[in-house]
PDBML (XML) file of the C-alpha atoms, coordinates in Angstrom:
<?xml version="1.0" encoding="UTF-8" ?>
<PDBx:datablock datablockName="MODEL"
   xmlns:PDBx="http://pdbml.pdb.org/schema/pdbx-v50.xsd"
   xmlns:xsi="http://www.w3.org/2001/XMLSchema-instance"
   xsi:schemaLocation="http://pdbml.pdb.org/schema/pdbx-v50.xsd pdbx-v50.xsd">
   <PDBx:atom_siteCategory>
      <PDBx:atom_site id="1">
         <PDBx:B_iso_or_equiv>0.00</PDBx:B_iso_or_equiv>
         <PDBx:Cartn_x>16.900</PDBx:Cartn_x>
         <PDBx:Cartn_y>65.983</PDBx:Cartn_y>
         <PDBx:Cartn_z>93.297</PDBx:Cartn_z>
         <PDBx:auth_asym_id>A</PDBx:auth_asym_id>
         <PDBx:auth_atom_id>CA</PDBx:auth_atom_id>
         <PDBx:auth_comp_id>ASP</PDBx:auth_comp_id>
         <PDBx:auth_seq_id>1</PDBx:auth_seq_id>
         <PDBx:group_PDB>ATOM</PDBx:group_PDB>
         <PDBx:label_alt_id xsi:nil="true" />
         <PDBx:label_asym_id>A</PDBx:label_asym_id>
         <PDBx:label_atom_id>CA</PDBx:label_atom_id>
         <PDBx:label_comp_id>ASP</PDBx:label_comp_id>
         <PDBx:label_entity_id>1</PDBx:label_entity_id>
         <PDBx:label_seq_id>1</PDBx:label_seq_id>
         <PDBx:occupancy>1.00</PDBx:occupancy>
         <PDBx:pdbx_PDB_model_num>1</PDBx:pdbx_PDB_model_num>
         <PDBx:type_symbol>C</PDBx:type_symbol>
      </PDBx:atom_site>
      <PDBx:atom_site id="2">
         <PDBx:B_iso_or_equiv>0.00</PDBx:B_iso_or_equiv>
         <PDBx:Cartn_x>18.252</PDBx:Cartn_x>
         <PDBx:Cartn_y>63.328</PDBx:Cartn_y>
         <PDBx:Cartn_z>95.666</PDBx:Cartn_z>
         <PDBx:auth_asym_id>A</PDBx:auth_asym_id>
         <PDBx:auth_atom_id>CA</PDBx:auth_atom_id>
         <PDBx:auth_comp_id>ALA</PDBx:auth_comp_id>
         <PDBx:auth_seq_id>2</PDBx:auth_seq_id>
         <PDBx:group_PDB>ATOM</PDBx:group_PDB>
         <PDBx:label_alt_id xsi:nil="true" />
         <PDBx:label_asym_id>A</PDBx:label_asym_id>
         <PDBx:label_atom_id>CA</PDBx:label_atom_id>
         <PDBx:label_comp_id>ALA</PDBx:label_comp_id>
         <PDBx:label_entity_id>1</PDBx:label_entity_id>
         <PDBx:label_seq_id>2</PDBx:label_seq_id>
         <PDBx:occupancy>1.00</PDBx:occupancy>
         <PDBx:pdbx_PDB_model_num>1</PDBx:pdbx_PDB_model_num>
         <PDBx:type_symbol>C</PDBx:type_symbol>
      </PDBx:atom_site>
      <PDBx:atom_site id="3">
         <PDBx:B_iso_or_equiv>0.00</PDBx:B_iso_or_equiv>
         <PDBx:Cartn_x>19.145</PDBx:Cartn_x>
         <PDBx:Cartn_y>59.644</PDBx:Cartn_y>
         <PDBx:Cartn_z>95.841</PDBx:Cartn_z>
         <PDBx:auth_asym_id>A</PDBx:auth_asym_id>
         <PDBx:auth_atom_id>CA</PDBx:auth_atom_id>
         <PDBx:auth_comp_id>PHE</PDBx:auth_comp_id>
         <PDBx:auth_seq_id>3</PDBx:auth_seq_id>
         <PDBx:group_PDB>ATOM</PDBx:group_PDB>
         <PDBx:label_alt_id xsi:nil="true" />
         <PDBx:label_asym_id>A</PDBx:label_asym_id>
         <PDBx:label_atom_id>CA</PDBx:label_atom_id>
         <PDBx:label_comp_id>PHE</PDBx:label_comp_id>
         <PDBx:label_entity_id>1</PDBx:label_entity_id>
         <PDBx:label_seq_id>3</PDBx:label_seq_id>
         <PDBx:occupancy>1.00</PDBx:occupancy>
         <PDBx:pdbx_PDB_model_num>1</PDBx:pdbx_PDB_model_num>
         <PDBx:type_symbol>C</PDBx:type_symbol>
      </PDBx:atom_site>
      <PDBx:atom_site id="4">
         <PDBx:B_iso_or_equiv>0.00</PDBx:B_iso_or_equiv>
         <PDBx:Cartn_x>18.873</PDBx:Cartn_x>
         <PDBx:Cartn_y>57.000</PDBx:Cartn_y>
         <PDBx:Cartn_z>98.537</PDBx:Cartn_z>
         <PDBx:auth_asym_id>A</PDBx:auth_asym_id>
         <PDBx:auth_atom_id>CA</PDBx:auth_atom_id>
         <PDBx:auth_comp_id>VAL</PDBx:auth_comp_id>
         <PDBx:auth_seq_id>4</PDBx:auth_seq_id>
         <PDBx:group_PDB>ATOM</PDBx:group_PDB>
         <PDBx:label_alt_id xsi:nil="true" />
         <PDBx:label_asym_id>A</PDBx:label_asym_id>
         <PDBx:label_atom_id>CA</PDBx:label_atom_id>
         <PDBx:label_comp_id>VAL</PDBx:label_comp_id>
         <PDBx:label_entity_id>1</PDBx:label_entity_id>
         <PDBx:label_seq_id>4</PDBx:label_seq_id>
         <PDBx:occupancy>1.00</PDBx:occupancy>
         <PDBx:pdbx_PDB_model_num>1</PDBx:pdbx_PDB_model_num>
         <PDBx:type_symbol>C</PDBx:type_symbol>
      </PDBx:atom_site>
      <PDBx:atom_site id="5">
         <PDBx:B_iso_or_equiv>0.00</PDBx:B_iso_or_equiv>
         <PDBx:Cartn_x>22.190</PDBx:Cartn_x>
         <PDBx:Cartn_y>55.127</PDBx:Cartn_y>
         <PDBx:Cartn_z>98.715</PDBx:Cartn_z>
         <PDBx:auth_asym_id>A</PDBx:auth_asym_id>
         <PDBx:auth_atom_id>CA</PDBx:auth_atom_id>
         <PDBx:auth_comp_id>ILE</PDBx:auth_comp_id>
         <PDBx:auth_seq_id>5</PDBx:auth_seq_id>
         <PDBx:group_PDB>ATOM</PDBx:group_PDB>
         <PDBx:label_alt_id xsi:nil="true" />
         <PDBx:label_asym_id>A</PDBx:label_asym_id>
         <PDBx:label_atom_id>CA</PDBx:label_atom_id>
         <PDBx:label_comp_id>ILE</PDBx:label_comp_id>
         <PDBx:label_entity_id>1</PDBx:label_entity_id>
         <PDBx:label_seq_id>5</PDBx:label_seq_id>
         <PDBx:occupancy>1.00</PDBx:occupancy>
         <PDBx:pdbx_PDB_model_num>1</PDBx:pdbx_PDB_model_num>
         <PDBx:type_symbol>C</PDBx:type_symbol>
      </PDBx:atom_site>
      <PDBx:atom_site id="6">
         <PDBx:B_iso_or_equiv>0.00</PDBx:B_iso_or_equiv>
         <PDBx:Cartn_x>21.543</PDBx:Cartn_x>
         <PDBx:Cartn_y>51.729</PDBx:Cartn_y>
         <PDBx:Cartn_z>100.251</PDBx:Cartn_z>
         <PDBx:auth_asym_id>A</PDBx:auth_asym_id>
         <PDBx:auth_atom_id>CA</PDBx:auth_atom_id>
         <PDBx:auth_comp_id>GLY</PDBx:auth_comp_id>
         <PDBx:auth_seq_id>6</PDBx:auth_seq_id>
         <PDBx:group_PDB>ATOM</PDBx:group_PDB>
         <PDBx:label_alt_id xsi:nil="true" />
         <PDBx:label_asym_id>A</PDBx:label_asym_id>
         <PDBx:label_atom_id>CA</PDBx:label_atom_id>
         <PDBx:label_comp_id>GLY</PDBx:label_comp_id>
         <PDBx:label_entity_id>1</PDBx:label_entity_id>
         <PDBx:label_seq_id>6</PDBx:label_seq_id>
         <PDBx:occupancy>1.00</PDBx:occupancy>
         <PDBx:pdbx_PDB_model_num>1</PDBx:pdbx_PDB_model_num>
         <PDBx:type_symbol>C</PDBx:type_symbol>
      </PDBx:atom_site>
      <PDBx:atom_site id="7">
         <PDBx:B_iso_or_equiv>0.00</PDBx:B_iso_or_equiv>
         <PDBx:Cartn_x>18.532</PDBx:Cartn_x>
         <PDBx:Cartn_y>49.960</PDBx:Cartn_y>
         <PDBx:Cartn_z>101.693</PDBx:Cartn_z>
         <PDBx:auth_asym_id>A</PDBx:auth_asym_id>
         <PDBx:auth_atom_id>CA</PDBx:auth_atom_id>
         <PDBx:auth_comp_id>GLU</PDBx:auth_comp_id>
         <PDBx:auth_seq_id>7</PDBx:auth_seq_id>
         <PDBx:group_PDB>ATOM</PDBx:group_PDB>
         <PDBx:label_alt_id xsi:nil="true" />
         <PDBx:label_asym_id>A</PDBx:label_asym_id>
         <PDBx:label_atom_id>CA</PDBx:label_atom_id>
         <PDBx:label_comp_id>GLU</PDBx:label_comp_id>
         <PDBx:label_entity_id>1</PDBx:label_entity_id>
         <PDBx:label_seq_id>7</PDBx:label_seq_id>
         <PDBx:occupancy>1.00</PDBx:occupancy>
         <PDBx:pdbx_PDB_model_num>1</PDBx:pdbx_PDB_model_num>
         <PDBx:type_symbol>C</PDBx:type_symbol>
      </PDBx:atom_site>
      <PDBx:atom_site id="8">
         <PDBx:B_iso_or_equiv>0.00</PDBx:B_iso_or_equiv>
         <PDBx:Cartn_x>15.372</PDBx:Cartn_x>
         <PDBx:Cartn_y>51.997</PDBx:Cartn_y>
         <PDBx:Cartn_z>102.039</PDBx:Cartn_z>
         <PDBx:auth_asym_id>A</PDBx:auth_asym_id>
         <PDBx:auth_atom_id>CA</PDBx:auth_atom_id>
         <PDBx:auth_comp_id>GLY</PDBx:auth_comp_id>
         <PDBx:auth_seq_id>8</PDBx:auth_seq_id>
         <PDBx:group_PDB>ATOM</PDBx:group_PDB>
         <PDBx:label_alt_id xsi:nil="true" />
         <PDBx:label_asym_id>A</PDBx:label_asym_id>
         <PDBx:label_atom_id>CA</PDBx:label_atom_id>
         <PDBx:label_comp_id>GLY</PDBx:label_comp_id>
         <PDBx:label_entity_id>1</PDBx:label_entity_id>
         <PDBx:label_seq_id>8</PDBx:label_seq_id>
         <PDBx:occupancy>1.00</PDBx:occupancy>
         <PDBx:pdbx_PDB_model_num>1</PDBx:pdbx_PDB_model_num>
         <PDBx:type_symbol>C</PDBx:type_symbol>
      </PDBx:atom_site>
      <PDBx:atom_site id="9">
         <PDBx:B_iso_or_equiv>0.00</PDBx:B_iso_or_equiv>
         <PDBx:Cartn_x>14.500</PDBx:Cartn_x>
         <PDBx:Cartn_y>50.823</PDBx:Cartn_y>
         <PDBx:Cartn_z>105.552</PDBx:Cartn_z>
         <PDBx:auth_asym_id>A</PDBx:auth_asym_id>
         <PDBx:auth_atom_id>CA</PDBx:auth_atom_id>
         <PDBx:auth_comp_id>GLU</PDBx:auth_comp_id>
         <PDBx:auth_seq_id>9</PDBx:auth_seq_id>
         <PDBx:group_PDB>ATOM</PDBx:group_PDB>
         <PDBx:label_alt_id xsi:nil="true" />
         <PDBx:label_asym_id>A</PDBx:label_asym_id>
         <PDBx:label_atom_id>CA</PDBx:label_atom_id>
         <PDBx:label_comp_id>GLU</PDBx:label_comp_id>
         <PDBx:label_entity_id>1</PDBx:label_entity_id>
         <PDBx:label_seq_id>9</PDBx:label_seq_id>
         <PDBx:occupancy>1.00</PDBx:occupancy>
         <PDBx:pdbx_PDB_model_num>1</PDBx:pdbx_PDB_model_num>
         <PDBx:type_symbol>C</PDBx:type_symbol>
      </PDBx:atom_site>
      <PDBx:atom_site id="10">
         <PDBx:B_iso_or_equiv>0.00</PDBx:B_iso_or_equiv>
         <PDBx:Cartn_x>17.828</PDBx:Cartn_x>
         <PDBx:Cartn_y>52.229</PDBx:Cartn_y>
         <PDBx:Cartn_z>106.776</PDBx:Cartn_z>
         <PDBx:auth_asym_id>A</PDBx:auth_asym_id>
         <PDBx:auth_atom_id>CA</PDBx:auth_atom_id>
         <PDBx:auth_comp_id>ALA</PDBx:auth_comp_id>
         <PDBx:auth_seq_id>10</PDBx:auth_seq_id>
         <PDBx:group_PDB>ATOM</PDBx:group_PDB>
         <PDBx:label_alt_id xsi:nil="true" />
         <PDBx:label_asym_id>A</PDBx:label_asym_id>
         <PDBx:label_atom_id>CA</PDBx:label_atom_id>
         <PDBx:label_comp_id>ALA</PDBx:label_comp_id>
         <PDBx:label_entity_id>1</PDBx:label_entity_id>
         <PDBx:label_seq_id>10</PDBx:label_seq_id>
         <PDBx:occupancy>1.00</PDBx:occupancy>
         <PDBx:pdbx_PDB_model_num>1</PDBx:pdbx_PDB_model_num>
         <PDBx:type_symbol>C</PDBx:type_symbol>
      </PDBx:atom_site>
      <PDBx:atom_site id="11">
         <PDBx:B_iso_or_equiv>0.00</PDBx:B_iso_or_equiv>
         <PDBx:Cartn_x>17.503</PDBx:Cartn_x>
         <PDBx:Cartn_y>55.621</PDBx:Cartn_y>
         <PDBx:Cartn_z>105.058</PDBx:Cartn_z>
         <PDBx:auth_asym_id>A</PDBx:auth_asym_id>
         <PDBx:auth_atom_id>CA</PDBx:auth_atom_id>
         <PDBx:auth_comp_id>VAL</PDBx:auth_comp_id>
         <PDBx:auth_seq_id>11</PDBx:auth_seq_id>
         <PDBx:group_PDB>ATOM</PDBx:group_PDB>
         <PDBx:label_alt_id xsi:nil="true" />
         <PDBx:label_asym_id>A</PDBx:label_asym_id>
         <PDBx:label_atom_id>CA</PDBx:label_atom_id>
         <PDBx:label_comp_id>VAL</PDBx:label_comp_id>
         <PDBx:label_entity_id>1</PDBx:label_entity_id>
         <PDBx:label_seq_id>11</PDBx:label_seq_id>
         <PDBx:occupancy>1.00</PDBx:occupancy>
         <PDBx:pdbx_PDB_model_num>1</PDBx:pdbx_PDB_model_num>
         <PDBx:type_symbol>C</PDBx:type_symbol>
      </PDBx:atom_site>
      <PDBx:atom_site id="12">
         <PDBx:B_iso_or_equiv>0.00</PDBx:B_iso_or_equiv>
         <PDBx:Cartn_x>13.857</PDBx:Cartn_x>
         <PDBx:Cartn_y>56.611</PDBx:Cartn_y>
         <PDBx:Cartn_z>104.525</PDBx:Cartn_z>
         <PDBx:auth_asym_id>A</PDBx:auth_asym_id>
         <PDBx:auth_atom_id>CA</PDBx:auth_atom_id>
         <PDBx:auth_comp_id>MET</PDBx:auth_comp_id>
         <PDBx:auth_seq_id>12</PDBx:auth_seq_id>
         <PDBx:group_PDB>ATOM</PDBx:group_PDB>
         <PDBx:label_alt_id xsi:nil="true" />
         <PDBx:label_asym_id>A</PDBx:label_asym_id>
         <PDBx:label_atom_id>CA</PDBx:label_atom_id>
         <PDBx:label_comp_id>MET</PDBx:label_comp_id>
         <PDBx:label_entity_id>1</PDBx:label_entity_id>
         <PDBx:label_seq_id>12</PDBx:label_seq_id>
         <PDBx:occupancy>1.00</PDBx:occupancy>
         <PDBx:pdbx_PDB_model_num>1</PDBx:pdbx_PDB_model_num>
         <PDBx:type_symbol>C</PDBx:type_symbol>
      </PDBx:atom_site>
      <PDBx:atom_site id="13">
         <PDBx:B_iso_or_equiv>0.00</PDBx:B_iso_or_equiv>
         <PDBx:Cartn_x>12.890</PDBx:Cartn_x>
         <PDBx:Cartn_y>57.207</PDBx:Cartn_y>
         <PDBx:Cartn_z>108.191</PDBx:Cartn_z>
         <PDBx:auth_asym_id>A</PDBx:auth_asym_id>
         <PDBx:auth_atom_id>CA</PDBx:auth_atom_id>
         <PDBx:auth_comp_id>PRO</PDBx:auth_comp_id>
         <PDBx:auth_seq_id>13</PDBx:auth_seq_id>
         <PDBx:group_PDB>ATOM</PDBx:group_PDB>
         <PDBx:label_alt_id xsi:nil="true" />
         <PDBx:label_asym_id>A</PDBx:label_asym_id>
         <PDBx:label_atom_id>CA</PDBx:label_atom_id>
         <PDBx:label_comp_id>PRO</PDBx:label_comp_id>
         <PDBx:label_entity_id>1</PDBx:label_entity_id>
         <PDBx:label_seq_id>13</PDBx:label_seq_id>
         <PDBx:occupancy>1.00</PDBx:occupancy>
         <PDBx:pdbx_PDB_model_num>1</PDBx:pdbx_PDB_model_num>
         <PDBx:type_symbol>C</PDBx:type_symbol>
      </PDBx:atom_site>
      <PDBx:atom_site id="14">
         <PDBx:B_iso_or_equiv>0.00</PDBx:B_iso_or_equiv>
         <PDBx:Cartn_x>15.704</PDBx:Cartn_x>
         <PDBx:Cartn_y>59.745</PDBx:Cartn_y>
         <PDBx:Cartn_z>108.673</PDBx:Cartn_z>
         <PDBx:auth_asym_id>A</PDBx:auth_asym_id>
         <PDBx:auth_atom_id>CA</PDBx:auth_atom_id>
         <PDBx:auth_comp_id>ALA</PDBx:auth_comp_id>
         <PDBx:auth_seq_id>14</PDBx:auth_seq_id>
         <PDBx:group_PDB>ATOM</PDBx:group_PDB>
         <PDBx:label_alt_id xsi:nil="true" />
         <PDBx:label_asym_id>A</PDBx:label_asym_id>
         <PDBx:label_atom_id>CA</PDBx:label_atom_id>
         <PDBx:label_comp_id>ALA</PDBx:label_comp_id>
         <PDBx:label_entity_id>1</PDBx:label_entity_id>
         <PDBx:label_seq_id>14</PDBx:label_seq_id>
         <PDBx:occupancy>1.00</PDBx:occupancy>
         <PDBx:pdbx_PDB_model_num>1</PDBx:pdbx_PDB_model_num>
         <PDBx:type_symbol>C</PDBx:type_symbol>
      </PDBx:atom_site>
      <PDBx:atom_site id="15">
         <PDBx:B_iso_or_equiv>0.00</PDBx:B_iso_or_equiv>
         <PDBx:Cartn_x>15.129</PDBx:Cartn_x>
         <PDBx:Cartn_y>61.244</PDBx:Cartn_y>
         <PDBx:Cartn_z>105.218</PDBx:Cartn_z>
         <PDBx:auth_asym_id>A</PDBx:auth_asym_id>
         <PDBx:auth_atom_id>CA</PDBx:auth_atom_id>
         <PDBx:auth_comp_id>LEU</PDBx:auth_comp_id>
         <PDBx:auth_seq_id>15</PDBx:auth_seq_id>
         <PDBx:group_PDB>ATOM</PDBx:group_PDB>
         <PDBx:label_alt_id xsi:nil="true" />
         <PDBx:label_asym_id>A</PDBx:label_asym_id>
         <PDBx:label_atom_id>CA</PDBx:label_atom_id>
         <PDBx:label_comp_id>LEU</PDBx:label_comp_id>
         <PDBx:label_entity_id>1</PDBx:label_entity_id>
         <PDBx:label_seq_id>15</PDBx:label_seq_id>
         <PDBx:occupancy>1.00</PDBx:occupancy>
         <PDBx:pdbx_PDB_model_num>1</PDBx:pdbx_PDB_model_num>
         <PDBx:type_symbol>C</PDBx:type_symbol>
      </PDBx:atom_site>
      <PDBx:atom_site id="16">
         <PDBx:B_iso_or_equiv>0.00</PDBx:B_iso_or_equiv>
         <PDBx:Cartn_x>11.439</PDBx:Cartn_x>
         <PDBx:Cartn_y>61.844</PDBx:Cartn_y>
         <PDBx:Cartn_z>105.918</PDBx:Cartn_z>
         <PDBx:auth_asym_id>A</PDBx:auth_asym_id>
         <PDBx:auth_atom_id>CA</PDBx:auth_atom_id>
         <PDBx:auth_comp_id>MET</PDBx:auth_comp_id>
         <PDBx:auth_seq_id>16</PDBx:auth_seq_id>
         <PDBx:group_PDB>ATOM</PDBx:group_PDB>
         <PDBx:label_alt_id xsi:nil="true" />
         <PDBx:label_asym_id>A</PDBx:label_asym_id>
         <PDBx:label_atom_id>CA</PDBx:label_atom_id>
         <PDBx:label_comp_id>MET</PDBx:label_comp_id>
         <PDBx:label_entity_id>1</PDBx:label_entity_id>
         <PDBx:label_seq_id>16</PDBx:label_seq_id>
         <PDBx:occupancy>1.00</PDBx:occupancy>
         <PDBx:pdbx_PDB_model_num>1</PDBx:pdbx_PDB_model_num>
         <PDBx:type_symbol>C</PDBx:type_symbol>
      </PDBx:atom_site>
      <PDBx:atom_site id="17">
         <PDBx:B_iso_or_equiv>0.00</PDBx:B_iso_or_equiv>
         <PDBx:Cartn_x>12.201</PDBx:Cartn_x>
         <PDBx:Cartn_y>63.201</PDBx:Cartn_y>
         <PDBx:Cartn_z>109.405</PDBx:Cartn_z>
         <PDBx:auth_asym_id>A</PDBx:auth_asym_id>
         <PDBx:auth_atom_id>CA</PDBx:auth_atom_id>
         <PDBx:auth_comp_id>ASP</PDBx:auth_comp_id>
         <PDBx:auth_seq_id>17</PDBx:auth_seq_id>
         <PDBx:group_PDB>ATOM</PDBx:group_PDB>
         <PDBx:label_alt_id xsi:nil="true" />
         <PDBx:label_asym_id>A</PDBx:label_asym_id>
         <PDBx:label_atom_id>CA</PDBx:label_atom_id>
         <PDBx:label_comp_id>ASP</PDBx:label_comp_id>
         <PDBx:label_entity_id>1</PDBx:label_entity_id>
         <PDBx:label_seq_id>17</PDBx:label_seq_id>
         <PDBx:occupancy>1.00</PDBx:occupancy>
         <PDBx:pdbx_PDB_model_num>1</PDBx:pdbx_PDB_model_num>
         <PDBx:type_symbol>C</PDBx:type_symbol>
      </PDBx:atom_site>
      <PDBx:atom_site id="18">
         <PDBx:B_iso_or_equiv>0.00</PDBx:B_iso_or_equiv>
         <PDBx:Cartn_x>14.629</PDBx:Cartn_x>
         <PDBx:Cartn_y>65.694</PDBx:Cartn_y>
         <PDBx:Cartn_z>107.862</PDBx:Cartn_z>
         <PDBx:auth_asym_id>A</PDBx:auth_asym_id>
         <PDBx:auth_atom_id>CA</PDBx:auth_atom_id>
         <PDBx:auth_comp_id>ALA</PDBx:auth_comp_id>
         <PDBx:auth_seq_id>18</PDBx:auth_seq_id>
         <PDBx:group_PDB>ATOM</PDBx:group_PDB>
         <PDBx:label_alt_id xsi:nil="true" />
         <PDBx:label_asym_id>A</PDBx:label_asym_id>
         <PDBx:label_atom_id>CA</PDBx:label_atom_id>
         <PDBx:label_comp_id>ALA</PDBx:label_comp_id>
         <PDBx:label_entity_id>1</PDBx:label_entity_id>
         <PDBx:label_seq_id>18</PDBx:label_seq_id>
         <PDBx:occupancy>1.00</PDBx:occupancy>
         <PDBx:pdbx_PDB_model_num>1</PDBx:pdbx_PDB_model_num>
         <PDBx:type_symbol>C</PDBx:type_symbol>
      </PDBx:atom_site>
      <PDBx:atom_site id="19">
         <PDBx:B_iso_or_equiv>0.00</PDBx:B_iso_or_equiv>
         <PDBx:Cartn_x>12.121</PDBx:Cartn_x>
         <PDBx:Cartn_y>66.613</PDBx:Cartn_y>
         <PDBx:Cartn_z>105.148</PDBx:Cartn_z>
         <PDBx:auth_asym_id>A</PDBx:auth_asym_id>
         <PDBx:auth_atom_id>CA</PDBx:auth_atom_id>
         <PDBx:auth_comp_id>TYR</PDBx:auth_comp_id>
         <PDBx:auth_seq_id>19</PDBx:auth_seq_id>
         <PDBx:group_PDB>ATOM</PDBx:group_PDB>
         <PDBx:label_alt_id xsi:nil="true" />
         <PDBx:label_asym_id>A</PDBx:label_asym_id>
         <PDBx:label_atom_id>CA</PDBx:label_atom_id>
         <PDBx:label_comp_id>TYR</PDBx:label_comp_id>
         <PDBx:label_entity_id>1</PDBx:label_entity_id>
         <PDBx:label_seq_id>19</PDBx:label_seq_id>
         <PDBx:occupancy>1.00</PDBx:occupancy>
         <PDBx:pdbx_PDB_model_num>1</PDBx:pdbx_PDB_model_num>
         <PDBx:type_symbol>C</PDBx:type_symbol>
      </PDBx:atom_site>
      <PDBx:atom_site id="20">
         <PDBx:B_iso_or_equiv>0.00</PDBx:B_iso_or_equiv>
         <PDBx:Cartn_x>9.385</PDBx:Cartn_x>
         <PDBx:Cartn_y>67.400</PDBx:Cartn_y>
         <PDBx:Cartn_z>107.648</PDBx:Cartn_z>
         <PDBx:auth_asym_id>A</PDBx:auth_asym_id>
         <PDBx:auth_atom_id>CA</PDBx:auth_atom_id>
         <PDBx:auth_comp_id>HIS</PDBx:auth_comp_id>
         <PDBx:auth_seq_id>20</PDBx:auth_seq_id>
         <PDBx:group_PDB>ATOM</PDBx:group_PDB>
         <PDBx:label_alt_id xsi:nil="true" />
         <PDBx:label_asym_id>A</PDBx:label_asym_id>
         <PDBx:label_atom_id>CA</PDBx:label_atom_id>
         <PDBx:label_comp_id>HIS</PDBx:label_comp_id>
         <PDBx:label_entity_id>1</PDBx:label_entity_id>
         <PDBx:label_seq_id>20</PDBx:label_seq_id>
         <PDBx:occupancy>1.00</PDBx:occupancy>
         <PDBx:pdbx_PDB_model_num>1</PDBx:pdbx_PDB_model_num>
         <PDBx:type_symbol>C</PDBx:type_symbol>
      </PDBx:atom_site>
      <PDBx:atom_site id="21">
         <PDBx:B_iso_or_equiv>0.00</PDBx:B_iso_or_equiv>
         <PDBx:Cartn_x>11.773</PDBx:Cartn_x>
         <PDBx:Cartn_y>69.358</PDBx:Cartn_y>
         <PDBx:Cartn_z>109.871</PDBx:Cartn_z>
         <PDBx:auth_asym_id>A</PDBx:auth_asym_id>
         <PDBx:auth_atom_id>CA</PDBx:auth_atom_id>
         <PDBx:auth_comp_id>GLU</PDBx:auth_comp_id>
         <PDBx:auth_seq_id>21</PDBx:auth_seq_id>
         <PDBx:group_PDB>ATOM</PDBx:group_PDB>
         <PDBx:label_alt_id xsi:nil="true" />
         <PDBx:label_asym_id>A</PDBx:label_asym_id>
         <PDBx:label_atom_id>CA</PDBx:label_atom_id>
         <PDBx:label_comp_id>GLU</PDBx:label_comp_id>
         <PDBx:label_entity_id>1</PDBx:label_entity_id>
         <PDBx:label_seq_id>21</PDBx:label_seq_id>
         <PDBx:occupancy>1.00</PDBx:occupancy>
         <PDBx:pdbx_PDB_model_num>1</PDBx:pdbx_PDB_model_num>
         <PDBx:type_symbol>C</PDBx:type_symbol>
      </PDBx:atom_site>
      <PDBx:atom_site id="22">
         <PDBx:B_iso_or_equiv>0.00</PDBx:B_iso_or_equiv>
         <PDBx:Cartn_x>12.777</PDBx:Cartn_x>
         <PDBx:Cartn_y>71.476</PDBx:Cartn_y>
         <PDBx:Cartn_z>106.883</PDBx:Cartn_z>
         <PDBx:auth_asym_id>A</PDBx:auth_asym_id>
         <PDBx:auth_atom_id>CA</PDBx:auth_atom_id>
         <PDBx:auth_comp_id>GLY</PDBx:auth_comp_id>
         <PDBx:auth_seq_id>22</PDBx:auth_seq_id>
         <PDBx:group_PDB>ATOM</PDBx:group_PDB>
         <PDBx:label_alt_id xsi:nil="true" />
         <PDBx:label_asym_id>A</PDBx:label_asym_id>
         <PDBx:label_atom_id>CA</PDBx:label_atom_id>
         <PDBx:label_comp_id>GLY</PDBx:label_comp_id>
         <PDBx:label_entity_id>1</PDBx:label_entity_id>
         <PDBx:label_seq_id>22</PDBx:label_seq_id>
         <PDBx:occupancy>1.00</PDBx:occupancy>
         <PDBx:pdbx_PDB_model_num>1</PDBx:pdbx_PDB_model_num>
         <PDBx:type_symbol>C</PDBx:type_symbol>
      </PDBx:atom_site>
      <PDBx:atom_site id="23">
         <PDBx:B_iso_or_equiv>0.00</PDBx:B_iso_or_equiv>
         <PDBx:Cartn_x>9.172</PDBx:Cartn_x>
         <PDBx:Cartn_y>72.081</PDBx:Cartn_y>
         <PDBx:Cartn_z>105.849</PDBx:Cartn_z>
         <PDBx:auth_asym_id>A</PDBx:auth_asym_id>
         <PDBx:auth_atom_id>CA</PDBx:auth_atom_id>
         <PDBx:auth_comp_id>VAL</PDBx:auth_comp_id>
         <PDBx:auth_seq_id>23</PDBx:auth_seq_id>
         <PDBx:group_PDB>ATOM</PDBx:group_PDB>
         <PDBx:label_alt_id xsi:nil="true" />
         <PDBx:label_asym_id>A</PDBx:label_asym_id>
         <PDBx:label_atom_id>CA</PDBx:label_atom_id>
         <PDBx:label_comp_id>VAL</PDBx:label_comp_id>
         <PDBx:label_entity_id>1</PDBx:label_entity_id>
         <PDBx:label_seq_id>23</PDBx:label_seq_id>
         <PDBx:occupancy>1.00</PDBx:occupancy>
         <PDBx:pdbx_PDB_model_num>1</PDBx:pdbx_PDB_model_num>
         <PDBx:type_symbol>C</PDBx:type_symbol>
      </PDBx:atom_site>
      <PDBx:atom_site id="24">
         <PDBx:B_iso_or_equiv>0.00</PDBx:B_iso_or_equiv>
         <PDBx:Cartn_x>8.196</PDBx:Cartn_x>
         <PDBx:Cartn_y>73.097</PDBx:Cartn_y>
         <PDBx:Cartn_z>109.395</PDBx:Cartn_z>
         <PDBx:auth_asym_id>A</PDBx:auth_asym_id>
         <PDBx:auth_atom_id>CA</PDBx:auth_atom_id>
         <PDBx:auth_comp_id>ARG</PDBx:auth_comp_id>
         <PDBx:auth_seq_id>24</PDBx:auth_seq_id>
         <PDBx:group_PDB>ATOM</PDBx:group_PDB>
         <PDBx:label_alt_id xsi:nil="true" />
         <PDBx:label_asym_id>A</PDBx:label_asym_id>
         <PDBx:label_atom_id>CA</PDBx:label_atom_id>
         <PDBx:label_comp_id>ARG</PDBx:label_comp_id>
         <PDBx:label_entity_id>1</PDBx:label_entity_id>
         <PDBx:label_seq_id>24</PDBx:label_seq_id>
         <PDBx:occupancy>1.00</PDBx:occupancy>
         <PDBx:pdbx_PDB_model_num>1</PDBx:pdbx_PDB_model_num>
         <PDBx:type_symbol>C</PDBx:type_symbol>
      </PDBx:atom_site>
   </PDBx:atom_siteCategory>
</PDBx:datablock>
């Protein structure tokens, strides 16, 4: 469904924040 482009430490915090915001 989606890809992380780059280093996980630089992307995953914002990705998970956005995911939880969307779920809420």
